[in-house]
């Protein structure tokens, strides 16, 4: 009893440690601190805490997944997964191929969304080869020590930043070469075993993929700095290499999906023209346009980011001169 005859107020307790650990594990890492803090402030009892978390977490997961997923990249994932499962085969079958591919594609996309929601900002989630290369390459040229506006670097520090950029480009090129060789091996095996009517076109694609892998192995890497150079020379060299790497990536990102473009045109547009099926023609045309939009948006975003880094290099040079 207190001096005024009333009981002292009870100390408010937090959730049990085991329950807090479960909720923390279920909360996306980038939102974990704020969500756990809000839940702790509203804590009344373990049961209340659990129900409160169950009501909040679905919205947090969806919101985090939406923020972490770039829509054009998600669209390319959907296209590639659906195509790999035969969903774009317009031949008549029971059940239709699109229905067979829809369920596993949907489950895979939900899994990828959850993976994006629960990853940290520096992680690169695993994808099927082409999509992993695209996702990994999206930020290779933009990350740098001078990403913060107003930052200053010496010539030596800028050379170190270029060296890190060069290592990231090397890793990306190795991944792209491996992906290209996997496509060559898989396509060659299919063409030799099945011998489809379009085999001559398939062998042309295989030859181009071999040429691209060879080009990346010979010319795709960022050159090494062989001697010490001035800040202005290094800045100009760095900018030129950023622009060159972007031109290569821009071409490759379109080329990765040339077989899919060809398949869509063949299975839908050409077949619709032969059979005078307006539905197939319209559907195929819309799919081709949607695929092109996703690739163009991805290339535009990457080009914008590369231009921003080139601009930061200009700013560094101006501050260095002043």
C-alpha atoms as a PDB file:
ATOM      1  CA  UNK A   1       0.000   0.000   0.000  1.00  0.00           C
ATOM      2  CA  UNK A   2       1.238   3.513  -0.777  1.00  0.00           C
ATOM      3  CA  UNK A   3       1.019   6.510   1.573  1.00  0.00           C
ATOM      4  CA  UNK A   4      -2.378   7.479   0.151  1.00  0.00           C
ATOM      5  CA  UNK A   5      -3.817   4.027   0.729  1.00  0.00           C
ATOM      6  CA  UNK A   6      -3.655   3.029  -2.940  1.00  0.00           C
ATOM      7  CA  UNK A   7      -1.670   0.168  -4.486  1.00  0.00           C
ATOM      8  CA  UNK A   8       1.384   1.203  -6.499  1.00  0.00           C
ATOM      9  CA  UNK A   9       0.908   0.890 -10.258  1.00  0.00           C
ATOM     10  CA  UNK A  10       1.991  -2.400 -11.799  1.00  0.00           C
ATOM     11  CA  UNK A  11       5.011  -2.378 -14.051  1.00  0.00           C
ATOM     12  CA  UNK A  12       3.946  -3.070 -17.618  1.00  0.00           C
ATOM     13  CA  UNK A  13       5.692  -6.151 -18.968  1.00  0.00           C
ATOM     14  CA  UNK A  14       6.693  -6.861 -22.553  1.00  0.00           C
ATOM     15  CA  UNK A  15       5.898 -10.028 -24.501  1.00  0.00           C
ATOM     16  CA  UNK A  16       7.618 -13.298 -23.563  1.00  0.00           C
ATOM     17  CA  UNK A  17      11.005 -13.666 -25.139  1.00  0.00           C
ATOM     18  CA  UNK A  18      10.045 -16.789 -27.099  1.00  0.00           C
ATOM     19  CA  UNK A  19       6.952 -15.100 -28.552  1.00  0.00           C
ATOM     20  CA  UNK A  20       8.878 -11.963 -29.428  1.00  0.00           C
ATOM     21  CA  UNK A  21      11.466 -14.128 -31.199  1.00  0.00           C
ATOM     22  CA  UNK A  22       8.813 -15.857 -33.300  1.00  0.00           C
ATOM     23  CA  UNK A  23       7.243 -12.552 -34.342  1.00  0.00           C
ATOM     24  CA  UNK A  24      10.683 -11.114 -35.110  1.00  0.00           C
ATOM     25  CA  UNK A  25      11.482 -14.094 -37.346  1.00  0.00           C
ATOM     26  CA  UNK A  26       8.198 -13.621 -39.238  1.00  0.00           C
ATOM     27  CA  UNK A  27       8.731  -9.879 -39.749  1.00  0.00           C
ATOM     28  CA  UNK A  28      10.662  -8.678 -42.861  1.00  0.00           C
ATOM     29  CA  UNK A  29      14.151  -7.503 -41.770  1.00  0.00           C
ATOM     30  CA  UNK A  30      13.830  -3.983 -43.169  1.00  0.00           C
ATOM     31  CA  UNK A  31      10.629  -3.388 -41.182  1.00  0.00           C
ATOM     32  CA  UNK A  32      11.472  -5.465 -38.114  1.00  0.00           C
ATOM     33  CA  UNK A  33      12.609  -2.766 -35.696  1.00  0.00           C
ATOM     34  CA  UNK A  34       9.682  -0.414 -36.262  1.00  0.00           C
ATOM     35  CA  UNK A  35       7.034  -3.165 -36.295  1.00  0.00           C
ATOM     36  CA  UNK A  36       8.311  -4.820 -33.112  1.00  0.00           C
ATOM     37  CA  UNK A  37       8.413  -1.428 -31.421  1.00  0.00           C
ATOM     38  CA  UNK A  38       4.817  -0.668 -32.362  1.00  0.00           C
ATOM     39  CA  UNK A  39       3.636  -4.097 -31.230  1.00  0.00           C
ATOM     40  CA  UNK A  40       5.476  -3.745 -27.917  1.00  0.00           C
ATOM     41  CA  UNK A  41       3.805  -0.388 -27.229  1.00  0.00           C
ATOM     42  CA  UNK A  42       0.372  -1.970 -27.694  1.00  0.00           C
ATOM     43  CA  UNK A  43       1.194  -5.079 -25.654  1.00  0.00           C
ATOM     44  CA  UNK A  44      -1.433  -6.226 -23.154  1.00  0.00           C
ATOM     45  CA  UNK A  45      -0.963  -9.971 -22.957  1.00  0.00           C
ATOM     46  CA  UNK A  46       0.721 -12.767 -24.930  1.00  0.00           C
ATOM     47  CA  UNK A  47      -2.587 -13.612 -26.611  1.00  0.00           C
ATOM     48  CA  UNK A  48      -3.205  -9.966 -27.525  1.00  0.00           C
ATOM     49  CA  UNK A  49       0.356  -9.640 -28.841  1.00  0.00           C
ATOM     50  CA  UNK A  50       0.023 -12.752 -31.031  1.00  0.00           C
ATOM     51  CA  UNK A  51      -3.326 -11.641 -32.477  1.00  0.00           C
ATOM     52  CA  UNK A  52      -2.012  -8.119 -33.051  1.00  0.00           C
ATOM     53  CA  UNK A  53       1.005  -9.522 -34.923  1.00  0.00           C
ATOM     54  CA  UNK A  54      -1.184 -11.835 -37.032  1.00  0.00           C
ATOM     55  CA  UNK A  55      -3.329  -8.860 -38.031  1.00  0.00           C
ATOM     56  CA  UNK A  56      -0.373  -6.632 -38.946  1.00  0.00           C
ATOM     57  CA  UNK A  57       2.192  -8.961 -40.527  1.00  0.00           C
ATOM     58  CA  UNK A  58       0.302  -9.821 -43.766  1.00  0.00           C
ATOM     59  CA  UNK A  59       0.066  -6.121 -44.662  1.00  0.00           C
ATOM     60  CA  UNK A  60       3.722  -5.559 -43.744  1.00  0.00           C
ATOM     61  CA  UNK A  61       4.885  -8.521 -45.863  1.00  0.00           C
ATOM     62  CA  UNK A  62       2.827  -7.449 -48.892  1.00  0.00           C
ATOM     63  CA  UNK A  63       3.973  -3.835 -48.550  1.00  0.00           C
ATOM     64  CA  UNK A  64       7.635  -4.793 -48.185  1.00  0.00           C
ATOM     65  CA  UNK A  65       7.427  -7.204 -51.103  1.00  0.00           C
ATOM     66  CA  UNK A  66       5.833  -4.519 -53.267  1.00  0.00           C
ATOM     67  CA  UNK A  67       8.565  -1.998 -52.398  1.00  0.00           C
ATOM     68  CA  UNK A  68      11.376  -4.506 -52.927  1.00  0.00           C
ATOM     69  CA  UNK A  69      10.037  -5.792 -56.263  1.00  0.00           C
ATOM     70  CA  UNK A  70      10.474  -3.757 -59.438  1.00  0.00           C
ATOM     71  CA  UNK A  71       7.369  -4.384 -61.560  1.00  0.00           C
ATOM     72  CA  UNK A  72       9.132  -4.810 -64.961  1.00  0.00           C
ATOM     73  CA  UNK A  73      11.558  -7.290 -63.348  1.00  0.00           C
ATOM     74  CA  UNK A  74       8.599  -9.141 -61.848  1.00  0.00           C
ATOM     75  CA  UNK A  75       7.016  -9.228 -65.299  1.00  0.00           C
ATOM     76  CA  UNK A  76      10.160 -10.723 -66.836  1.00  0.00           C
ATOM     77  CA  UNK A  77      10.210 -13.333 -64.074  1.00  0.00           C
ATOM     78  CA  UNK A  78       6.624 -14.251 -64.904  1.00  0.00           C
ATOM     79  CA  UNK A  79       7.385 -14.462 -68.630  1.00  0.00           C
ATOM     80  CA  UNK A  80      10.479 -16.626 -68.170  1.00  0.00           C
ATOM     81  CA  UNK A  81       8.886 -19.004 -65.656  1.00  0.00           C
ATOM     82  CA  UNK A  82       5.712 -19.416 -67.697  1.00  0.00           C
ATOM     83  CA  UNK A  83       7.728 -20.040 -70.872  1.00  0.00           C
ATOM     84  CA  UNK A  84      10.018 -22.584 -69.186  1.00  0.00           C
ATOM     85  CA  UNK A  85       6.921 -24.511 -68.072  1.00  0.00           C
ATOM     86  CA  UNK A  86       5.479 -24.534 -71.596  1.00  0.00           C
ATOM     87  CA  UNK A  87       2.693 -22.068 -70.868  1.00  0.00           C
ATOM     88  CA  UNK A  88       3.049 -20.292 -74.211  1.00  0.00           C
ATOM     89  CA  UNK A  89       2.481 -23.454 -76.239  1.00  0.00           C
ATOM     90  CA  UNK A  90      -0.673 -22.658 -78.215  1.00  0.00           C
ATOM     91  CA  UNK A  91      -1.273 -26.256 -79.348  1.00  0.00           C
ATOM     92  CA  UNK A  92      -4.581 -27.787 -78.270  1.00  0.00           C
ATOM     93  CA  UNK A  93      -4.286 -30.181 -75.335  1.00  0.00           C
ATOM     94  CA  UNK A  94      -6.369 -31.341 -72.374  1.00  0.00           C
ATOM     95  CA  UNK A  95      -5.786 -29.718 -69.971  1.00  0.00           C
ATOM     96  CA  UNK A  96      -4.300 -26.803 -71.956  1.00  0.00           C
ATOM     97  CA  UNK A  97      -0.613 -26.047 -71.453  1.00  0.00           C
ATOM     98  CA  UNK A  98      -1.322 -22.599 -70.039  1.00  0.00           C
ATOM     99  CA  UNK A  99      -3.409 -24.191 -67.263  1.00  0.00           C
ATOM    100  CA  UNK A 100      -0.663 -26.693 -66.451  1.00  0.00           C
ATOM    101  CA  UNK A 101       1.902 -23.895 -66.228  1.00  0.00           C
ATOM    102  CA  UNK A 102      -0.270 -21.380 -64.363  1.00  0.00           C
ATOM    103  CA  UNK A 103      -0.244 -23.048 -60.927  1.00  0.00           C
ATOM    104  CA  UNK A 104       3.529 -23.724 -60.594  1.00  0.00           C
ATOM    105  CA  UNK A 105       4.287 -20.292 -62.085  1.00  0.00           C
ATOM    106  CA  UNK A 106       1.985 -18.601 -59.563  1.00  0.00           C
ATOM    107  CA  UNK A 107       3.537 -20.527 -56.671  1.00  0.00           C
ATOM    108  CA  UNK A 108       7.033 -19.651 -57.867  1.00  0.00           C
ATOM    109  CA  UNK A 109       6.147 -15.952 -58.195  1.00  0.00           C
ATOM    110  CA  UNK A 110       4.656 -15.889 -54.695  1.00  0.00           C
ATOM    111  CA  UNK A 111       7.859 -17.503 -53.411  1.00  0.00           C
ATOM    112  CA  UNK A 112       9.977 -14.874 -55.193  1.00  0.00           C
ATOM    113  CA  UNK A 113       7.821 -12.077 -53.775  1.00  0.00           C
ATOM    114  CA  UNK A 114       8.263 -13.460 -50.275  1.00  0.00           C
ATOM    115  CA  UNK A 115      11.993 -13.795 -50.894  1.00  0.00           C
ATOM    116  CA  UNK A 116      12.139 -10.138 -51.936  1.00  0.00           C
ATOM    117  CA  UNK A 117      10.120  -9.110 -48.890  1.00  0.00           C
ATOM    118  CA  UNK A 118      12.469 -10.917 -46.499  1.00  0.00           C
ATOM    119  CA  UNK A 119      15.786  -9.966 -48.063  1.00  0.00           C
ATOM    120  CA  UNK A 120      18.061  -7.177 -46.964  1.00  0.00           C
ATOM    121  CA  UNK A 121      18.862  -4.366 -49.405  1.00  0.00           C
ATOM    122  CA  UNK A 122      22.311  -5.789 -50.263  1.00  0.00           C
ATOM    123  CA  UNK A 123      21.259  -9.344 -51.039  1.00  0.00           C
ATOM    124  CA  UNK A 124      20.781 -10.670 -54.545  1.00  0.00           C
ATOM    125  CA  UNK A 125      18.148 -13.404 -54.507  1.00  0.00           C
ATOM    126  CA  UNK A 126      18.768 -16.556 -56.496  1.00  0.00           C
ATOM    127  CA  UNK A 127      16.898 -16.735 -59.804  1.00  0.00           C
ATOM    128  CA  UNK A 128      16.870 -18.967 -62.825  1.00  0.00           C
ATOM    129  CA  UNK A 129      20.083 -18.145 -64.780  1.00  0.00           C
ATOM    130  CA  UNK A 130      18.848 -15.346 -67.061  1.00  0.00           C
ATOM    131  CA  UNK A 131      16.877 -13.587 -64.347  1.00  0.00           C
ATOM    132  CA  UNK A 132      19.668 -13.946 -61.811  1.00  0.00           C
ATOM    133  CA  UNK A 133      22.050 -12.271 -64.269  1.00  0.00           C
ATOM    134  CA  UNK A 134      19.573  -9.453 -64.908  1.00  0.00           C
ATOM    135  CA  UNK A 135      18.879  -8.937 -61.215  1.00  0.00           C
ATOM    136  CA  UNK A 136      22.540  -9.064 -60.238  1.00  0.00           C
ATOM    137  CA  UNK A 137      23.573  -6.752 -63.063  1.00  0.00           C
ATOM    138  CA  UNK A 138      20.921  -4.170 -62.214  1.00  0.00           C
ATOM    139  CA  UNK A 139      23.042  -2.515 -59.519  1.00  0.00           C
ATOM    140  CA  UNK A 140      26.605  -3.488 -60.373  1.00  0.00           C
ATOM    141  CA  UNK A 141      27.521  -0.190 -62.026  1.00  0.00           C
ATOM    142  CA  UNK A 142      25.781   2.098 -59.542  1.00  0.00           C
ATOM    143  CA  UNK A 143      27.196   1.097 -56.152  1.00  0.00           C
ATOM    144  CA  UNK A 144      30.183   3.218 -55.144  1.00  0.00           C
ATOM    145  CA  UNK A 145      31.955   4.855 -52.257  1.00  0.00           C
ATOM    146  CA  UNK A 146      30.902   8.307 -53.440  1.00  0.00           C
ATOM    147  CA  UNK A 147      27.173   7.558 -53.732  1.00  0.00           C
ATOM    148  CA  UNK A 148      26.382  10.222 -51.112  1.00  0.00           C
ATOM    149  CA  UNK A 149      26.063  13.682 -52.716  1.00  0.00           C
ATOM    150  CA  UNK A 150      28.828  16.014 -51.662  1.00  0.00           C
ATOM    151  CA  UNK A 151      31.330  13.214 -51.000  1.00  0.00           C
ATOM    152  CA  UNK A 152      34.970  13.824 -51.903  1.00  0.00           C
ATOM    153  CA  UNK A 153      37.632  11.364 -52.964  1.00  0.00           C
ATOM    154  CA  UNK A 154      41.301  11.559 -53.728  1.00  0.00           C
ATOM    155  CA  UNK A 155      42.714  10.067 -56.939  1.00  0.00           C
ATOM    156  CA  UNK A 156      43.815   7.002 -54.965  1.00  0.00           C
ATOM    157  CA  UNK A 157      40.377   6.498 -53.434  1.00  0.00           C
ATOM    158  CA  UNK A 158      38.720   6.872 -56.838  1.00  0.00           C
ATOM    159  CA  UNK A 159      41.138   4.262 -58.211  1.00  0.00           C
ATOM    160  CA  UNK A 160      40.081   1.910 -55.377  1.00  0.00           C
ATOM    161  CA  UNK A 161      36.431   2.518 -56.219  1.00  0.00           C
ATOM    162  CA  UNK A 162      37.142   1.699 -59.873  1.00  0.00           C
ATOM    163  CA  UNK A 163      38.919  -1.484 -58.784  1.00  0.00           C
ATOM    164  CA  UNK A 164      35.804  -2.549 -56.843  1.00  0.00           C
ATOM    165  CA  UNK A 165      33.666  -1.737 -59.883  1.00  0.00           C
ATOM    166  CA  UNK A 166      36.028  -3.811 -62.039  1.00  0.00           C
ATOM    167  CA  UNK A 167      35.701  -6.822 -59.698  1.00  0.00           C
ATOM    168  CA  UNK A 168      31.903  -6.601 -59.749  1.00  0.00           C
ATOM    169  CA  UNK A 169      31.929  -6.453 -63.553  1.00  0.00           C
ATOM    170  CA  UNK A 170      34.169  -9.531 -63.638  1.00  0.00           C
ATOM    171  CA  UNK A 171      31.774 -11.502 -61.415  1.00  0.00           C
ATOM    172  CA  UNK A 172      28.821 -10.427 -63.562  1.00  0.00           C
ATOM    173  CA  UNK A 173      30.594 -11.396 -66.780  1.00  0.00           C
ATOM    174  CA  UNK A 174      31.470 -14.814 -65.414  1.00  0.00           C
ATOM    175  CA  UNK A 175      27.819 -15.318 -64.438  1.00  0.00           C
ATOM    176  CA  UNK A 176      26.674 -14.240 -67.910  1.00  0.00           C
ATOM    177  CA  UNK A 177      29.196 -16.508 -69.648  1.00  0.00           C
ATOM    178  CA  UNK A 178      28.075 -19.462 -67.513  1.00  0.00           C
ATOM    179  CA  UNK A 179      24.410 -18.677 -68.285  1.00  0.00           C
ATOM    180  CA  UNK A 180      25.170 -18.419 -72.010  1.00  0.00           C
ATOM    181  CA  UNK A 181      27.016 -21.746 -72.004  1.00  0.00           C
ATOM    182  CA  UNK A 182      24.155 -23.394 -70.095  1.00  0.00           C
ATOM    183  CA  UNK A 183      21.738 -22.155 -72.761  1.00  0.00           C
ATOM    184  CA  UNK A 184      24.055 -23.418 -75.521  1.00  0.00           C
ATOM    185  CA  UNK A 185      24.325 -26.867 -73.947  1.00  0.00           C
ATOM    186  CA  UNK A 186      20.591 -27.141 -73.205  1.00  0.00           C
ATOM    187  CA  UNK A 187      19.542 -25.861 -76.635  1.00  0.00           C
ATOM    188  CA  UNK A 188      22.024 -28.086 -78.487  1.00  0.00           C
ATOM    189  CA  UNK A 189      20.816 -31.136 -76.582  1.00  0.00           C
ATOM    190  CA  UNK A 190      17.191 -30.288 -77.413  1.00  0.00           C
ATOM    191  CA  UNK A 191      17.883 -29.645 -81.094  1.00  0.00           C
ATOM    192  CA  UNK A 192      19.873 -32.879 -81.497  1.00  0.00           C
ATOM    193  CA  UNK A 193      17.367 -35.017 -79.590  1.00  0.00           C
ATOM    194  CA  UNK A 194      14.040 -33.611 -80.807  1.00  0.00           C
ATOM    195  CA  UNK A 195      15.049 -32.162 -84.211  1.00  0.00           C
ATOM    196  CA  UNK A 196      12.102 -29.758 -84.476  1.00  0.00           C
ATOM    197  CA  UNK A 197      11.119 -28.146 -87.802  1.00  0.00           C
ATOM    198  CA  UNK A 198      12.636 -24.839 -86.634  1.00  0.00           C
ATOM    199  CA  UNK A 199      16.010 -26.492 -85.881  1.00  0.00           C
ATOM    200  CA  UNK A 200      17.928 -24.293 -88.401  1.00  0.00           C
ATOM    201  CA  UNK A 201      16.725 -21.158 -86.573  1.00  0.00           C
ATOM    202  CA  UNK A 202      17.657 -22.783 -83.265  1.00  0.00           C
ATOM    203  CA  UNK A 203      21.202 -23.444 -84.435  1.00  0.00           C
ATOM    204  CA  UNK A 204      21.525 -19.793 -85.481  1.00  0.00           C
ATOM    205  CA  UNK A 205      20.598 -18.784 -81.933  1.00  0.00           C
ATOM    206  CA  UNK A 206      23.119 -21.257 -80.523  1.00  0.00           C
ATOM    207  CA  UNK A 207      25.860 -19.812 -82.738  1.00  0.00           C
ATOM    208  CA  UNK A 208      25.035 -16.254 -81.628  1.00  0.00           C
ATOM    209  CA  UNK A 209      25.098 -17.289 -77.955  1.00  0.00           C
ATOM    210  CA  UNK A 210      28.546 -18.830 -78.493  1.00  0.00           C
ATOM    211  CA  UNK A 211      29.752 -15.599 -80.122  1.00  0.00           C
ATOM    212  CA  UNK A 212      28.372 -13.524 -77.240  1.00  0.00           C
ATOM    213  CA  UNK A 213      30.073 -15.736 -74.651  1.00  0.00           C
ATOM    214  CA  UNK A 214      33.337 -15.410 -76.584  1.00  0.00           C
ATOM    215  CA  UNK A 215      32.982 -11.624 -76.815  1.00  0.00           C
ATOM    216  CA  UNK A 216      32.336 -11.319 -73.067  1.00  0.00           C
ATOM    217  CA  UNK A 217      35.348 -13.518 -72.344  1.00  0.00           C
ATOM    218  CA  UNK A 218      37.606 -11.363 -74.541  1.00  0.00           C
ATOM    219  CA  UNK A 219      36.178  -7.834 -74.387  1.00  0.00           C
ATOM    220  CA  UNK A 220      33.584  -7.799 -71.647  1.00  0.00           C
ATOM    221  CA  UNK A 221      35.846  -7.081 -68.696  1.00  0.00           C
ATOM    222  CA  UNK A 222      36.665  -3.611 -67.415  1.00  0.00           C
ATOM    223  CA  UNK A 223      40.350  -2.824 -68.196  1.00  0.00           C
ATOM    224  CA  UNK A 224      42.900  -2.749 -65.412  1.00  0.00           C
ATOM    225  CA  UNK A 225      44.634   0.488 -64.499  1.00  0.00           C
ATOM    226  CA  UNK A 226      48.215  -0.199 -65.507  1.00  0.00           C
ATOM    227  CA  UNK A 227      49.744   2.988 -64.128  1.00  0.00           C
ATOM    228  CA  UNK A 228      48.931   5.903 -61.892  1.00  0.00           C
ATOM    229  CA  UNK A 229      46.946   8.619 -63.628  1.00  0.00           C
ATOM    230  CA  UNK A 230      45.646  12.032 -62.663  1.00  0.00           C
ATOM    231  CA  UNK A 231      42.235  12.465 -61.080  1.00  0.00           C
ATOM    232  CA  UNK A 232      40.779  14.008 -64.269  1.00  0.00           C
ATOM    233  CA  UNK A 233      42.131  11.202 -66.472  1.00  0.00           C
ATOM    234  CA  UNK A 234      40.837   8.514 -64.132  1.00  0.00           C
ATOM    235  CA  UNK A 235      37.454  10.223 -63.893  1.00  0.00           C
ATOM    236  CA  UNK A 236      37.153  10.342 -67.697  1.00  0.00           C
ATOM    237  CA  UNK A 237      38.333   6.728 -68.047  1.00  0.00           C
ATOM    238  CA  UNK A 238      35.824   5.589 -65.407  1.00  0.00           C
ATOM    239  CA  UNK A 239      32.962   7.397 -67.156  1.00  0.00           C
ATOM    240  CA  UNK A 240      33.834   5.899 -70.544  1.00  0.00           C
ATOM    241  CA  UNK A 241      33.925   2.388 -69.080  1.00  0.00           C
ATOM    242  CA  UNK A 242      30.589   2.884 -67.324  1.00  0.00           C
ATOM    243  CA  UNK A 243      29.024   3.940 -70.631  1.00  0.00           C
ATOM    244  CA  UNK A 244      30.630   1.023 -72.518  1.00  0.00           C
ATOM    245  CA  UNK A 245      29.449  -1.534 -69.978  1.00  0.00           C
ATOM    246  CA  UNK A 246      25.930  -0.108 -70.162  1.00  0.00           C
ATOM    247  CA  UNK A 247      25.881  -0.391 -73.961  1.00  0.00           C
ATOM    248  CA  UNK A 248      26.872  -4.053 -73.711  1.00  0.00           C
ATOM    249  CA  UNK A 249      24.272  -4.768 -71.020  1.00  0.00           C
ATOM    250  CA  UNK A 250      21.566  -2.977 -73.001  1.00  0.00           C
ATOM    251  CA  UNK A 251      22.185  -5.226 -75.996  1.00  0.00           C
ATOM    252  CA  UNK A 252      22.486  -8.395 -73.900  1.00  0.00           C
ATOM    253  CA  UNK A 253      19.302  -7.732 -71.941  1.00  0.00           C
ATOM    254  CA  UNK A 254      17.352  -7.597 -75.184  1.00  0.00           C
ATOM    255  CA  UNK A 255      19.148 -10.610 -76.619  1.00  0.00           C
ATOM    256  CA  UNK A 256      18.429 -12.798 -73.591  1.00  0.00           C
ATOM    257  CA  UNK A 257      14.743 -12.710 -74.552  1.00  0.00           C
ATOM    258  CA  UNK A 258      15.050 -13.019 -78.351  1.00  0.00           C
ATOM    259  CA  UNK A 259      14.162 -16.754 -78.170  1.00  0.00           C
ATOM    260  CA  UNK A 260      11.064 -15.886 -76.135  1.00  0.00           C
ATOM    261  CA  UNK A 261      10.069 -13.190 -78.643  1.00  0.00           C
ATOM    262  CA  UNK A 262      10.528 -15.744 -81.424  1.00  0.00           C
ATOM    263  CA  UNK A 263       8.456 -18.326 -79.586  1.00  0.00           C
ATOM    264  CA  UNK A 264       5.609 -15.903 -78.940  1.00  0.00           C
ATOM    265  CA  UNK A 265       5.514 -14.765 -82.563  1.00  0.00           C
ATOM    266  CA  UNK A 266       5.682 -18.343 -83.861  1.00  0.00           C
ATOM    267  CA  UNK A 267       3.190 -19.917 -81.448  1.00  0.00           C
ATOM    268  CA  UNK A 268       0.630 -17.130 -81.515  1.00  0.00           C
ATOM    269  CA  UNK A 269       0.973 -14.559 -84.304  1.00  0.00           C
ATOM    270  CA  UNK A 270       2.133 -16.855 -87.130  1.00  0.00           C
ATOM    271  CA  UNK A 271      -0.205 -19.660 -86.104  1.00  0.00           C
ATOM    272  CA  UNK A 272      -3.058 -17.179 -85.845  1.00  0.00           C
ATOM    273  CA  UNK A 273      -2.331 -15.819 -89.332  1.00  0.00           C
ATOM    274  CA  UNK A 274      -2.193 -19.323 -90.822  1.00  0.00           C
ATOM    275  CA  UNK A 275      -5.405 -20.407 -89.108  1.00  0.00           C
ATOM    276  CA  UNK A 276      -7.073 -16.984 -89.444  1.00  0.00           C
ATOM    277  CA  UNK A 277      -7.506 -16.933 -85.664  1.00  0.00           C
ATOM    278  CA  UNK A 278      -7.863 -13.301 -84.598  1.00  0.00           C
ATOM    279  CA  UNK A 279      -7.708 -14.206 -80.889  1.00  0.00           C
ATOM    280  CA  UNK A 280      -4.276 -15.814 -81.236  1.00  0.00           C
ATOM    281  CA  UNK A 281      -2.982 -12.883 -83.286  1.00  0.00           C
ATOM    282  CA  UNK A 282      -4.212 -10.335 -80.750  1.00  0.00           C
ATOM    283  CA  UNK A 283      -2.971 -12.293 -77.720  1.00  0.00           C
ATOM    284  CA  UNK A 284       0.447 -12.888 -79.280  1.00  0.00           C
ATOM    285  CA  UNK A 285       0.830  -9.229 -80.239  1.00  0.00           C
ATOM    286  CA  UNK A 286      -0.100  -8.076 -76.735  1.00  0.00           C
ATOM    287  CA  UNK A 287       2.343 -10.534 -75.137  1.00  0.00           C
ATOM    288  CA  UNK A 288       5.160  -9.355 -77.416  1.00  0.00           C
ATOM    289  CA  UNK A 289       4.421  -5.716 -76.586  1.00  0.00           C
ATOM    290  CA  UNK A 290       4.240  -6.444 -72.849  1.00  0.00           C
ATOM    291  CA  UNK A 291       7.534  -8.331 -72.909  1.00  0.00           C
ATOM    292  CA  UNK A 292       9.165  -5.494 -74.836  1.00  0.00           C
ATOM    293  CA  UNK A 293       7.815  -2.940 -72.372  1.00  0.00           C
ATOM    294  CA  UNK A 294       9.272  -4.821 -69.382  1.00  0.00           C
ATOM    295  CA  UNK A 295      12.714  -5.042 -70.998  1.00  0.00           C
ATOM    296  CA  UNK A 296      12.650  -1.405 -72.148  1.00  0.00           C
ATOM    297  CA  UNK A 297      11.661  -0.220 -68.662  1.00  0.00           C
ATOM    298  CA  UNK A 298      14.471  -2.236 -67.082  1.00  0.00           C
ATOM    299  CA  UNK A 299      17.038  -0.906 -69.571  1.00  0.00           C
ATOM    300  CA  UNK A 300      15.792   2.660 -69.071  1.00  0.00           C
ATOM    301  CA  UNK A 301      16.037   2.400 -65.291  1.00  0.00           C
ATOM    302  CA  UNK A 302      19.560   1.041 -65.472  1.00  0.00           C
ATOM    303  CA  UNK A 303      20.592   3.695 -67.987  1.00  0.00           C
ATOM    304  CA  UNK A 304      19.225   6.407 -65.720  1.00  0.00           C
ATOM    305  CA  UNK A 305      21.211   5.037 -62.774  1.00  0.00           C
ATOM    306  CA  UNK A 306      24.408   4.821 -64.809  1.00  0.00           C
ATOM    307  CA  UNK A 307      23.937   8.404 -66.009  1.00  0.00           C
ATOM    308  CA  UNK A 308      23.470   9.479 -62.389  1.00  0.00           C
ATOM    309  CA  UNK A 309      26.781   7.880 -61.438  1.00  0.00           C
ATOM    310  CA  UNK A 310      28.532   9.504 -64.397  1.00  0.00           C
ATOM    311  CA  UNK A 311      27.087  12.816 -63.187  1.00  0.00           C
ATOM    312  CA  UNK A 312      28.460  12.200 -59.695  1.00  0.00           C
ATOM    313  CA  UNK A 313      31.871  11.613 -61.248  1.00  0.00           C
ATOM    314  CA  UNK A 314      31.586  14.992 -62.962  1.00  0.00           C
ATOM    315  CA  UNK A 315      30.711  16.587 -59.639  1.00  0.00           C
ATOM    316  CA  UNK A 316      33.749  14.975 -58.034  1.00  0.00           C
ATOM    317  CA  UNK A 317      36.005  16.340 -60.758  1.00  0.00           C
ATOM    318  CA  UNK A 318      34.594  19.857 -60.371  1.00  0.00           C
ATOM    319  CA  UNK A 319      35.056  19.781 -56.576  1.00  0.00           C
ATOM    320  CA  UNK A 320      38.570  18.424 -57.045  1.00  0.00           C
ATOM    321  CA  UNK A 321      39.422  21.262 -59.458  1.00  0.00           C
ATOM    322  CA  UNK A 322      38.032  23.895 -57.083  1.00  0.00           C
END
